[in-house]
Amino acid sequence: MTTTPLRRTVVDVVGAPFHAIWSPLDGAVLAAGFATENDPEAHSLAERLGRLDPDAVAGGIVESRDDELPIAQALRAYAAGDLRAIDALAVRQPETPFRGEVWRALRGVAPGEAVTYTELASLAGRPTAVRAAASGCANNLVALIVPCHRIIRRDGGLGGYLFGTEIKERLLQHEGAWQPDLIELATSGSRAE
């Protein structure tokens, strides 16, 4: 069991505070997500991490004020429009074999793309496991970096997102993957002239 405190970095992304909890031992992000109206300090991230990996949080979590750290730099670059800046960040979360495949498949969905839960199940190697793929998204501890926001419903709707569909929509717009007018036309069978 480690007693080294984890670090928390907070960066504004799409107009909302984004929290990343990471290990100073290897630089891996262990939990990440947005503050919400009901959780303005994003305490739920540490709680979720603690339930799944109690040893990871045994040393506590301290705020990291060093803006020169690679994690903060990558998140700021992503927020400024370098959408690939977060791709190289290391992540680590407790996984089952299939959830691990789902999370690796999510990291393969490029910025500017959105895939359906059905497509995600195929990308993860089990095309009939659509519900399990959706569960993998719901249980992802490292939001944004493991980009579960890039998964949409088959009808083109946003679907759910732990931090709210408004944040999901803003992320997809930031990445150029969400154009509600075009989606409405596509799902209604009409075509833009």
N, C-alpha and C. Protein backbone atom coordinates (compact mmCIF):
# COMPACT_ATOMS: atom_id res chain seq x y z
N MET A 1 0.84 -1.18 0.00
CA MET A 1 0.00 0.00 0.00
C MET A 1 0.89 1.24 0.00
N THR A 2 0.56 2.18 -0.87
CA THR A 2 1.33 3.41 -0.96
C THR A 2 0.82 4.45 0.04
N THR A 3 1.73 5.21 0.58
CA THR A 3 1.33 6.31 1.46
C THR A 3 1.69 7.65 0.83
N THR A 4 2.17 7.61 -0.40
CA THR A 4 2.48 8.84 -1.12
C THR A 4 1.16 9.50 -1.52
N PRO A 5 0.96 10.76 -1.15
CA PRO A 5 -0.29 11.42 -1.53
C PRO A 5 -0.41 11.56 -3.04
N LEU A 6 -1.63 11.39 -3.52
CA LEU A 6 -1.93 11.67 -4.91
C LEU A 6 -1.99 13.18 -5.08
N ARG A 7 -1.95 13.64 -6.31
CA ARG A 7 -2.04 15.07 -6.62
C ARG A 7 -3.33 15.35 -7.37
N ARG A 8 -3.84 16.56 -7.18
CA ARG A 8 -5.04 17.00 -7.91
C ARG A 8 -4.66 18.28 -8.67
N THR A 9 -4.95 18.27 -9.95
CA THR A 9 -4.74 19.43 -10.81
C THR A 9 -6.10 19.86 -11.34
N VAL A 10 -6.36 21.16 -11.34
CA VAL A 10 -7.63 21.69 -11.84
C VAL A 10 -7.34 22.67 -12.97
N VAL A 11 -8.00 22.44 -14.11
CA VAL A 11 -7.82 23.28 -15.30
C VAL A 11 -9.21 23.57 -15.87
N ASP A 12 -9.43 24.78 -16.34
CA ASP A 12 -10.69 25.12 -16.98
C ASP A 12 -10.73 24.51 -18.38
N VAL A 13 -11.75 23.70 -18.63
CA VAL A 13 -11.94 23.08 -19.94
C VAL A 13 -13.39 23.32 -20.34
N VAL A 14 -13.62 23.83 -21.51
CA VAL A 14 -14.94 24.21 -22.04
C VAL A 14 -15.78 25.00 -21.02
N GLY A 15 -15.13 25.88 -20.29
CA GLY A 15 -15.82 26.76 -19.36
C GLY A 15 -16.20 26.13 -18.04
N ALA A 16 -15.60 24.98 -17.71
CA ALA A 16 -15.91 24.30 -16.45
C ALA A 16 -14.63 23.78 -15.81
N PRO A 17 -14.56 23.77 -14.46
CA PRO A 17 -13.36 23.23 -13.80
C PRO A 17 -13.25 21.73 -14.02
N PHE A 18 -12.11 21.32 -14.58
CA PHE A 18 -11.83 19.92 -14.82
C PHE A 18 -10.76 19.49 -13.83
N HIS A 19 -11.04 18.42 -13.08
CA HIS A 19 -10.14 17.92 -12.04
C HIS A 19 -9.48 16.63 -12.52
N ALA A 20 -8.16 16.56 -12.34
CA ALA A 20 -7.42 15.34 -12.65
C ALA A 20 -6.67 14.92 -11.39
N ILE A 21 -6.90 13.70 -10.94
CA ILE A 21 -6.19 13.14 -9.79
C ILE A 21 -5.16 12.16 -10.34
N TRP A 22 -3.90 12.38 -9.96
CA TRP A 22 -2.83 11.59 -10.56
C TRP A 22 -1.79 11.19 -9.53
N SER A 23 -1.02 10.18 -9.91
CA SER A 23 0.02 9.65 -9.04
C SER A 23 1.35 10.32 -9.35
N PRO A 24 2.01 10.91 -8.34
CA PRO A 24 3.34 11.49 -8.60
C PRO A 24 4.40 10.41 -8.80
N LEU A 25 4.09 9.17 -8.48
CA LEU A 25 5.06 8.09 -8.64
C LEU A 25 5.31 7.74 -10.10
N ASP A 26 4.23 7.73 -10.90
CA ASP A 26 4.39 7.38 -12.32
C ASP A 26 3.70 8.36 -13.27
N GLY A 27 3.04 9.38 -12.73
CA GLY A 27 2.39 10.38 -13.58
C GLY A 27 1.08 9.93 -14.19
N ALA A 28 0.58 8.76 -13.81
CA ALA A 28 -0.68 8.25 -14.38
C ALA A 28 -1.88 8.96 -13.75
N VAL A 29 -2.83 9.32 -14.59
CA VAL A 29 -4.08 9.90 -14.12
C VAL A 29 -4.98 8.74 -13.67
N LEU A 30 -5.46 8.82 -12.42
CA LEU A 30 -6.26 7.74 -11.84
C LEU A 30 -7.75 8.06 -11.83
N ALA A 31 -8.10 9.33 -11.82
CA ALA A 31 -9.50 9.76 -11.86
C ALA A 31 -9.53 11.17 -12.43
N ALA A 32 -10.57 11.46 -13.21
CA ALA A 32 -10.67 12.78 -13.80
C ALA A 32 -12.11 13.06 -14.16
N GLY A 33 -12.50 14.32 -14.02
CA GLY A 33 -13.85 14.71 -14.40
C GLY A 33 -14.13 16.15 -14.03
N PHE A 34 -15.32 16.58 -14.34
CA PHE A 34 -15.71 17.96 -14.15
C PHE A 34 -16.40 18.18 -12.81
N ALA A 35 -16.19 19.37 -12.26
CA ALA A 35 -16.99 19.80 -11.13
C ALA A 35 -18.40 20.05 -11.65
N THR A 36 -19.38 19.82 -10.82
CA THR A 36 -20.77 20.06 -11.21
C THR A 36 -21.43 20.98 -10.18
N GLU A 37 -22.61 21.41 -10.50
CA GLU A 37 -23.36 22.27 -9.56
C GLU A 37 -23.55 21.58 -8.22
N ASN A 38 -23.83 20.29 -8.25
CA ASN A 38 -24.04 19.53 -7.01
C ASN A 38 -22.74 19.06 -6.37
N ASP A 39 -21.63 19.17 -7.08
CA ASP A 39 -20.33 18.71 -6.58
C ASP A 39 -19.25 19.70 -7.05
N PRO A 40 -19.30 20.94 -6.56
CA PRO A 40 -18.41 21.99 -7.08
C PRO A 40 -16.92 21.74 -6.85
N GLU A 41 -16.56 20.91 -5.91
CA GLU A 41 -15.15 20.58 -5.66
C GLU A 41 -14.78 19.21 -6.22
N ALA A 42 -15.70 18.58 -6.94
CA ALA A 42 -15.48 17.27 -7.56
C ALA A 42 -15.02 16.21 -6.56
N HIS A 43 -15.59 16.24 -5.36
CA HIS A 43 -15.26 15.24 -4.34
C HIS A 43 -15.64 13.83 -4.78
N SER A 44 -16.65 13.72 -5.64
CA SER A 44 -17.10 12.40 -6.08
C SER A 44 -16.00 11.64 -6.81
N LEU A 45 -15.07 12.34 -7.45
CA LEU A 45 -13.97 11.64 -8.13
C LEU A 45 -13.14 10.84 -7.14
N ALA A 46 -12.74 11.48 -6.05
CA ALA A 46 -11.94 10.79 -5.03
C ALA A 46 -12.75 9.68 -4.38
N GLU A 47 -14.05 9.91 -4.17
CA GLU A 47 -14.90 8.88 -3.56
C GLU A 47 -15.00 7.66 -4.47
N ARG A 48 -15.22 7.88 -5.77
CA ARG A 48 -15.31 6.77 -6.72
C ARG A 48 -13.98 6.01 -6.78
N LEU A 49 -12.88 6.74 -6.83
CA LEU A 49 -11.57 6.11 -6.86
C LEU A 49 -11.33 5.31 -5.58
N GLY A 50 -11.70 5.87 -4.44
CA GLY A 50 -11.52 5.19 -3.16
C GLY A 50 -12.31 3.91 -3.04
N ARG A 51 -13.52 3.89 -3.62
CA ARG A 51 -14.33 2.66 -3.60
C ARG A 51 -13.70 1.57 -4.45
N LEU A 52 -13.13 1.95 -5.60
CA LEU A 52 -12.58 0.96 -6.52
C LEU A 52 -11.12 0.60 -6.24
N ASP A 53 -10.39 1.53 -5.65
CA ASP A 53 -8.97 1.30 -5.40
C ASP A 53 -8.56 2.01 -4.10
N PRO A 54 -8.98 1.43 -2.94
CA PRO A 54 -8.71 2.09 -1.66
C PRO A 54 -7.23 2.35 -1.40
N ASP A 55 -6.36 1.46 -1.88
CA ASP A 55 -4.92 1.66 -1.67
C ASP A 55 -4.41 2.92 -2.36
N ALA A 56 -4.99 3.25 -3.49
CA ALA A 56 -4.52 4.41 -4.24
C ALA A 56 -4.70 5.70 -3.46
N VAL A 57 -5.78 5.80 -2.69
CA VAL A 57 -6.07 7.06 -1.97
C VAL A 57 -5.63 7.01 -0.51
N ALA A 58 -4.95 5.94 -0.11
CA ALA A 58 -4.56 5.77 1.29
C ALA A 58 -3.69 6.91 1.81
N GLY A 59 -2.88 7.51 0.96
CA GLY A 59 -2.01 8.61 1.37
C GLY A 59 -2.66 9.97 1.26
N GLY A 60 -3.92 10.01 0.81
CA GLY A 60 -4.63 11.27 0.66
C GLY A 60 -4.40 11.88 -0.71
N ILE A 61 -4.98 13.07 -0.89
CA ILE A 61 -4.87 13.81 -2.15
C ILE A 61 -4.55 15.25 -1.80
N VAL A 62 -3.53 15.80 -2.44
CA VAL A 62 -3.15 17.19 -2.20
C VAL A 62 -3.26 17.98 -3.51
N GLU A 63 -3.58 19.25 -3.39
CA GLU A 63 -3.67 20.12 -4.56
C GLU A 63 -2.29 20.35 -5.15
N SER A 64 -2.19 20.29 -6.43
CA SER A 64 -0.94 20.57 -7.12
C SER A 64 -1.03 21.96 -7.71
N ARG A 65 -0.16 22.83 -7.32
CA ARG A 65 -0.17 24.22 -7.80
C ARG A 65 0.85 24.47 -8.90
N ASP A 66 1.60 23.46 -9.29
CA ASP A 66 2.64 23.64 -10.29
C ASP A 66 2.04 23.56 -11.69
N ASP A 67 1.87 24.71 -12.32
CA ASP A 67 1.27 24.76 -13.66
C ASP A 67 2.20 24.23 -14.75
N GLU A 68 3.43 23.96 -14.41
CA GLU A 68 4.39 23.48 -15.41
C GLU A 68 4.37 21.96 -15.54
N LEU A 69 3.58 21.29 -14.75
CA LEU A 69 3.53 19.83 -14.82
C LEU A 69 2.90 19.38 -16.14
N PRO A 70 3.37 18.25 -16.69
CA PRO A 70 2.87 17.79 -17.99
C PRO A 70 1.36 17.61 -18.04
N ILE A 71 0.74 17.15 -16.96
CA ILE A 71 -0.71 16.92 -16.98
C ILE A 71 -1.44 18.25 -17.15
N ALA A 72 -1.07 19.25 -16.36
CA ALA A 72 -1.71 20.57 -16.47
C ALA A 72 -1.45 21.18 -17.84
N GLN A 73 -0.23 21.05 -18.33
CA GLN A 73 0.10 21.59 -19.65
C GLN A 73 -0.75 20.94 -20.75
N ALA A 74 -0.89 19.62 -20.70
CA ALA A 74 -1.67 18.90 -21.71
C ALA A 74 -3.14 19.30 -21.65
N LEU A 75 -3.69 19.42 -20.44
CA LEU A 75 -5.10 19.81 -20.31
C LEU A 75 -5.32 21.24 -20.81
N ARG A 76 -4.40 22.15 -20.49
CA ARG A 76 -4.54 23.53 -20.97
C ARG A 76 -4.42 23.58 -22.50
N ALA A 77 -3.51 22.79 -23.06
CA ALA A 77 -3.35 22.76 -24.51
C ALA A 77 -4.63 22.23 -25.17
N TYR A 78 -5.21 21.16 -24.60
CA TYR A 78 -6.48 20.63 -25.11
C TYR A 78 -7.55 21.73 -25.07
N ALA A 79 -7.66 22.41 -23.94
CA ALA A 79 -8.67 23.46 -23.79
C ALA A 79 -8.47 24.59 -24.79
N ALA A 80 -7.21 24.83 -25.17
CA ALA A 80 -6.88 25.90 -26.12
C ALA A 80 -7.04 25.46 -27.58
N GLY A 81 -7.38 24.19 -27.80
CA GLY A 81 -7.64 23.74 -29.17
C GLY A 81 -6.71 22.67 -29.70
N ASP A 82 -5.65 22.31 -28.97
CA ASP A 82 -4.77 21.21 -29.38
C ASP A 82 -5.41 19.92 -28.88
N LEU A 83 -6.35 19.40 -29.65
CA LEU A 83 -7.20 18.30 -29.20
C LEU A 83 -6.46 16.99 -28.99
N ARG A 84 -5.27 16.85 -29.52
CA ARG A 84 -4.46 15.64 -29.35
C ARG A 84 -3.53 15.73 -28.14
N ALA A 85 -3.50 16.87 -27.47
CA ALA A 85 -2.55 17.08 -26.37
C ALA A 85 -2.73 16.09 -25.23
N ILE A 86 -3.94 15.59 -25.01
CA ILE A 86 -4.19 14.68 -23.89
C ILE A 86 -3.97 13.22 -24.26
N ASP A 87 -3.75 12.95 -25.54
CA ASP A 87 -3.63 11.55 -26.00
C ASP A 87 -2.47 10.80 -25.35
N ALA A 88 -1.39 11.49 -25.06
CA ALA A 88 -0.20 10.81 -24.53
C ALA A 88 -0.23 10.67 -23.00
N LEU A 89 -1.23 11.25 -22.34
CA LEU A 89 -1.28 11.14 -20.88
C LEU A 89 -1.50 9.69 -20.47
N ALA A 90 -0.73 9.24 -19.52
CA ALA A 90 -0.89 7.88 -18.99
C ALA A 90 -2.11 7.85 -18.06
N VAL A 91 -2.85 6.77 -18.12
CA VAL A 91 -4.00 6.57 -17.24
C VAL A 91 -3.92 5.19 -16.62
N ARG A 92 -4.56 5.05 -15.47
CA ARG A 92 -4.62 3.75 -14.81
C ARG A 92 -5.90 3.71 -13.99
N GLN A 93 -6.70 2.67 -14.21
CA GLN A 93 -7.91 2.49 -13.40
C GLN A 93 -8.20 1.00 -13.29
N PRO A 94 -8.82 0.59 -12.18
CA PRO A 94 -9.14 -0.83 -12.02
C PRO A 94 -10.07 -1.28 -13.15
N GLU A 95 -9.77 -2.42 -13.75
CA GLU A 95 -10.55 -2.83 -14.90
C GLU A 95 -10.84 -4.32 -14.90
N THR A 96 -11.94 -4.67 -15.52
CA THR A 96 -12.21 -6.05 -15.90
C THR A 96 -11.63 -6.21 -17.30
N PRO A 97 -11.47 -7.44 -17.79
CA PRO A 97 -10.90 -7.59 -19.14
C PRO A 97 -11.69 -6.82 -20.21
N PHE A 98 -13.00 -6.93 -20.22
CA PHE A 98 -13.76 -6.25 -21.27
C PHE A 98 -13.78 -4.74 -21.06
N ARG A 99 -13.93 -4.28 -19.83
CA ARG A 99 -13.89 -2.83 -19.61
C ARG A 99 -12.56 -2.25 -20.05
N GLY A 100 -11.49 -2.97 -19.82
CA GLY A 100 -10.18 -2.51 -20.29
C GLY A 100 -10.17 -2.36 -21.81
N GLU A 101 -10.79 -3.32 -22.50
CA GLU A 101 -10.86 -3.23 -23.97
C GLU A 101 -11.72 -2.04 -24.39
N VAL A 102 -12.82 -1.79 -23.67
CA VAL A 102 -13.68 -0.64 -23.98
C VAL A 102 -12.88 0.65 -23.79
N TRP A 103 -12.15 0.77 -22.70
CA TRP A 103 -11.41 2.00 -22.43
C TRP A 103 -10.28 2.21 -23.44
N ARG A 104 -9.64 1.12 -23.86
CA ARG A 104 -8.61 1.27 -24.90
C ARG A 104 -9.26 1.66 -26.23
N ALA A 105 -10.43 1.10 -26.52
CA ALA A 105 -11.15 1.48 -27.75
C ALA A 105 -11.57 2.95 -27.69
N LEU A 106 -12.01 3.41 -26.52
CA LEU A 106 -12.38 4.82 -26.38
C LEU A 106 -11.19 5.72 -26.70
N ARG A 107 -10.03 5.35 -26.23
CA ARG A 107 -8.84 6.18 -26.50
C ARG A 107 -8.48 6.18 -27.98
N GLY A 108 -9.00 5.22 -28.72
CA GLY A 108 -8.77 5.18 -30.17
C GLY A 108 -9.76 6.01 -30.97
N VAL A 109 -10.81 6.52 -30.33
CA VAL A 109 -11.78 7.38 -31.02
C VAL A 109 -11.18 8.78 -31.04
N ALA A 110 -10.89 9.25 -32.22
CA ALA A 110 -10.17 10.52 -32.39
C ALA A 110 -11.05 11.72 -32.05
N PRO A 111 -10.43 12.81 -31.62
CA PRO A 111 -11.18 14.05 -31.46
C PRO A 111 -11.85 14.42 -32.79
N GLY A 112 -13.04 14.93 -32.70
CA GLY A 112 -13.78 15.27 -33.91
C GLY A 112 -14.65 14.13 -34.41
N GLU A 113 -14.53 12.98 -33.79
CA GLU A 113 -15.36 11.82 -34.14
C GLU A 113 -16.32 11.54 -33.00
N ALA A 114 -17.43 10.94 -33.35
CA ALA A 114 -18.36 10.43 -32.35
C ALA A 114 -18.85 9.09 -32.88
N VAL A 115 -18.85 8.08 -32.03
CA VAL A 115 -19.31 6.76 -32.43
C VAL A 115 -20.46 6.34 -31.52
N THR A 116 -21.23 5.39 -31.99
CA THR A 116 -22.35 4.90 -31.20
C THR A 116 -21.87 3.84 -30.22
N TYR A 117 -22.73 3.51 -29.27
CA TYR A 117 -22.40 2.44 -28.32
C TYR A 117 -22.20 1.12 -29.07
N THR A 118 -22.98 0.89 -30.11
CA THR A 118 -22.83 -0.32 -30.93
C THR A 118 -21.46 -0.35 -31.60
N GLU A 119 -21.05 0.78 -32.16
CA GLU A 119 -19.73 0.86 -32.79
C GLU A 119 -18.62 0.67 -31.76
N LEU A 120 -18.82 1.23 -30.56
CA LEU A 120 -17.83 1.06 -29.50
C LEU A 120 -17.67 -0.41 -29.13
N ALA A 121 -18.79 -1.13 -29.01
CA ALA A 121 -18.72 -2.56 -28.69
C ALA A 121 -17.91 -3.30 -29.76
N SER A 122 -18.11 -2.95 -31.02
CA SER A 122 -17.33 -3.57 -32.11
C SER A 122 -15.86 -3.22 -32.00
N LEU A 123 -15.57 -1.95 -31.73
CA LEU A 123 -14.18 -1.52 -31.59
C LEU A 123 -13.48 -2.24 -30.43
N ALA A 124 -14.26 -2.60 -29.41
CA ALA A 124 -13.71 -3.30 -28.24
C ALA A 124 -13.64 -4.82 -28.46
N GLY A 125 -14.07 -5.28 -29.64
CA GLY A 125 -13.93 -6.69 -29.97
C GLY A 125 -15.12 -7.58 -29.65
N ARG A 126 -16.22 -7.00 -29.16
CA ARG A 126 -17.42 -7.79 -28.86
C ARG A 126 -18.65 -7.05 -29.38
N PRO A 127 -18.94 -7.18 -30.66
CA PRO A 127 -20.00 -6.40 -31.29
C PRO A 127 -21.39 -6.58 -30.68
N THR A 128 -21.63 -7.70 -30.02
CA THR A 128 -22.96 -7.91 -29.43
C THR A 128 -23.04 -7.42 -27.98
N ALA A 129 -21.96 -6.94 -27.44
CA ALA A 129 -21.91 -6.52 -26.03
C ALA A 129 -22.15 -5.02 -25.88
N VAL A 130 -23.22 -4.53 -26.48
CA VAL A 130 -23.51 -3.10 -26.49
C VAL A 130 -23.76 -2.58 -25.07
N ARG A 131 -24.54 -3.30 -24.29
CA ARG A 131 -24.81 -2.85 -22.91
C ARG A 131 -23.55 -2.86 -22.06
N ALA A 132 -22.70 -3.85 -22.25
CA ALA A 132 -21.45 -3.91 -21.50
C ALA A 132 -20.53 -2.76 -21.91
N ALA A 133 -20.55 -2.39 -23.19
CA ALA A 133 -19.76 -1.25 -23.65
C ALA A 133 -20.28 0.04 -23.00
N ALA A 134 -21.60 0.17 -22.95
CA ALA A 134 -22.20 1.35 -22.31
C ALA A 134 -21.84 1.38 -20.83
N SER A 135 -21.82 0.22 -20.18
CA SER A 135 -21.43 0.14 -18.77
C SER A 135 -19.97 0.56 -18.60
N GLY A 136 -19.13 0.20 -19.55
CA GLY A 136 -17.74 0.62 -19.51
C GLY A 136 -17.62 2.13 -19.54
N CYS A 137 -18.45 2.78 -20.34
CA CYS A 137 -18.47 4.25 -20.38
C CYS A 137 -18.92 4.80 -19.03
N ALA A 138 -19.98 4.24 -18.49
CA ALA A 138 -20.54 4.73 -17.23
C ALA A 138 -19.58 4.55 -16.06
N ASN A 139 -18.71 3.56 -16.14
CA ASN A 139 -17.79 3.28 -15.04
C ASN A 139 -16.37 3.79 -15.28
N ASN A 140 -16.19 4.57 -16.31
CA ASN A 140 -14.89 5.15 -16.62
C ASN A 140 -14.54 6.20 -15.57
N LEU A 141 -13.42 6.02 -14.89
CA LEU A 141 -12.97 6.98 -13.87
C LEU A 141 -12.17 8.14 -14.45
N VAL A 142 -11.74 8.02 -15.69
CA VAL A 142 -10.81 9.00 -16.24
C VAL A 142 -11.46 9.71 -17.44
N ALA A 143 -12.56 10.41 -17.16
CA ALA A 143 -13.29 11.11 -18.21
C ALA A 143 -12.38 12.10 -18.93
N LEU A 144 -12.76 12.42 -20.12
CA LEU A 144 -12.08 13.30 -21.06
C LEU A 144 -10.83 12.63 -21.63
N ILE A 145 -9.92 12.15 -20.79
CA ILE A 145 -8.69 11.52 -21.27
C ILE A 145 -9.02 10.15 -21.85
N VAL A 146 -9.90 9.41 -21.22
CA VAL A 146 -10.52 8.22 -21.79
C VAL A 146 -11.90 8.73 -22.22
N PRO A 147 -12.03 9.13 -23.50
CA PRO A 147 -13.09 10.04 -23.94
C PRO A 147 -14.47 9.41 -24.13
N CYS A 148 -15.12 9.07 -23.03
CA CYS A 148 -16.47 8.51 -23.12
C CYS A 148 -17.48 9.54 -23.63
N HIS A 149 -17.11 10.82 -23.63
CA HIS A 149 -18.01 11.85 -24.17
C HIS A 149 -18.17 11.72 -25.68
N ARG A 150 -17.32 10.96 -26.34
CA ARG A 150 -17.39 10.80 -27.80
C ARG A 150 -18.34 9.70 -28.24
N ILE A 151 -19.10 9.16 -27.30
CA ILE A 151 -20.06 8.10 -27.62
C ILE A 151 -21.46 8.69 -27.60
N ILE A 152 -22.19 8.45 -28.68
CA ILE A 152 -23.55 8.98 -28.81
C ILE A 152 -24.53 7.83 -29.06
N ARG A 153 -25.80 8.15 -28.96
CA ARG A 153 -26.84 7.14 -29.22
C ARG A 153 -26.93 6.85 -30.72
N ARG A 154 -27.50 5.72 -31.04
CA ARG A 154 -27.68 5.32 -32.44
C ARG A 154 -28.53 6.31 -33.22
N ASP A 155 -29.49 6.97 -32.55
CA ASP A 155 -30.34 7.94 -33.24
C ASP A 155 -29.68 9.32 -33.37
N GLY A 156 -28.42 9.42 -32.94
CA GLY A 156 -27.70 10.68 -33.05
C GLY A 156 -27.81 11.56 -31.83
N GLY A 157 -28.61 11.15 -30.84
CA GLY A 157 -28.73 11.93 -29.61
C GLY A 157 -27.49 11.80 -28.75
N LEU A 158 -27.36 12.72 -27.83
CA LEU A 158 -26.18 12.74 -26.97
C LEU A 158 -26.04 11.53 -26.07
N GLY A 159 -27.13 11.02 -25.55
CA GLY A 159 -27.04 9.98 -24.53
C GLY A 159 -26.66 10.61 -23.21
N GLY A 160 -26.31 9.81 -22.24
CA GLY A 160 -25.97 10.33 -20.92
C GLY A 160 -24.51 10.71 -20.79
N TYR A 161 -24.22 11.40 -19.68
CA TYR A 161 -22.84 11.75 -19.33
C TYR A 161 -22.85 12.08 -17.85
N LEU A 162 -21.94 11.50 -17.10
CA LEU A 162 -21.91 11.66 -15.65
C LEU A 162 -21.88 13.12 -15.23
N PHE A 163 -21.24 13.97 -16.01
CA PHE A 163 -21.09 15.37 -15.64
C PHE A 163 -22.11 16.27 -16.31
N GLY A 164 -23.12 15.66 -16.93
CA GLY A 164 -24.22 16.40 -17.54
C GLY A 164 -24.08 16.49 -19.05
N THR A 165 -25.22 16.46 -19.72
CA THR A 165 -25.20 16.49 -21.18
C THR A 165 -24.76 17.86 -21.71
N GLU A 166 -24.93 18.91 -20.93
CA GLU A 166 -24.45 20.22 -21.39
C GLU A 166 -22.93 20.21 -21.55
N ILE A 167 -22.22 19.63 -20.58
CA ILE A 167 -20.75 19.51 -20.69
C ILE A 167 -20.39 18.61 -21.86
N LYS A 168 -21.11 17.50 -22.02
CA LYS A 168 -20.83 16.58 -23.13
C LYS A 168 -20.99 17.30 -24.46
N GLU A 169 -22.06 18.05 -24.60
CA GLU A 169 -22.30 18.79 -25.84
C GLU A 169 -21.19 19.82 -26.08
N ARG A 170 -20.78 20.53 -25.04
CA ARG A 170 -19.71 21.53 -25.20
C ARG A 170 -18.40 20.86 -25.59
N LEU A 171 -18.10 19.69 -25.02
CA LEU A 171 -16.88 18.97 -25.40
C LEU A 171 -16.92 18.56 -26.87
N LEU A 172 -18.05 18.00 -27.30
CA LEU A 172 -18.18 17.57 -28.69
C LEU A 172 -18.12 18.76 -29.64
N GLN A 173 -18.71 19.88 -29.26
CA GLN A 173 -18.61 21.09 -30.09
C GLN A 173 -17.17 21.59 -30.14
N HIS A 174 -16.48 21.58 -29.00
CA HIS A 174 -15.08 21.99 -28.92
C HIS A 174 -14.23 21.16 -29.88
N GLU A 175 -14.57 19.89 -30.00
CA GLU A 175 -13.80 18.97 -30.85
C GLU A 175 -14.31 18.95 -32.29
N GLY A 176 -15.40 19.64 -32.57
CA GLY A 176 -15.94 19.66 -33.92
C GLY A 176 -16.75 18.43 -34.29
N ALA A 177 -17.22 17.69 -33.29
CA ALA A 177 -17.96 16.44 -33.56
C ALA A 177 -19.46 16.59 -33.33
N TRP A 178 -19.91 17.75 -32.94
CA TRP A 178 -21.33 17.88 -32.61
C TRP A 178 -21.90 19.09 -33.31
N GLN A 179 -22.79 18.83 -34.24
CA GLN A 179 -23.50 19.87 -34.95
C GLN A 179 -24.97 19.50 -34.90
N PRO A 180 -25.69 19.95 -33.86
CA PRO A 180 -27.08 19.51 -33.68
C PRO A 180 -27.96 19.69 -34.90
N ASP A 181 -27.78 20.75 -35.67
CA ASP A 181 -28.62 20.95 -36.86
C ASP A 181 -28.43 19.84 -37.88
N LEU A 182 -27.18 19.42 -38.09
CA LEU A 182 -26.91 18.34 -39.04
C LEU A 182 -27.44 17.01 -38.53
N ILE A 183 -27.33 16.78 -37.23
CA ILE A 183 -27.82 15.52 -36.66
C ILE A 183 -29.33 15.45 -36.79
N GLU A 184 -30.02 16.56 -36.53
CA GLU A 184 -31.48 16.56 -36.69
C GLU A 184 -31.87 16.24 -38.11
N LEU A 185 -31.15 16.80 -39.10
CA LEU A 185 -31.44 16.51 -40.49
C LEU A 185 -31.20 15.04 -40.82
N ALA A 186 -30.10 14.50 -40.33
CA ALA A 186 -29.75 13.10 -40.60
C ALA A 186 -30.77 12.14 -40.00
N THR A 187 -31.23 12.43 -38.79
CA THR A 187 -32.15 11.50 -38.15
C THR A 187 -33.58 11.66 -38.65
N SER A 188 -33.89 12.77 -39.29
CA SER A 188 -35.25 12.94 -39.81
C SER A 188 -35.35 12.45 -41.24
N GLY A 189 -34.21 12.07 -41.83
CA GLY A 189 -34.22 11.57 -43.19
C GLY A 189 -34.07 12.68 -44.22
N SER A 190 -33.99 13.93 -43.78
CA SER A 190 -33.80 15.04 -44.71
C SER A 190 -32.33 15.21 -45.01
N ARG A 191 -32.05 15.89 -46.09
CA ARG A 191 -30.66 16.17 -46.44
C ARG A 191 -30.51 17.66 -46.67
N ALA A 192 -29.37 18.16 -46.25
CA ALA A 192 -29.08 19.57 -46.49
C ALA A 192 -28.78 19.74 -47.97
N GLU A 193 -29.24 20.80 -48.54
CA GLU A 193 -29.00 21.08 -49.96
C GLU A 193 -27.67 21.77 -50.13
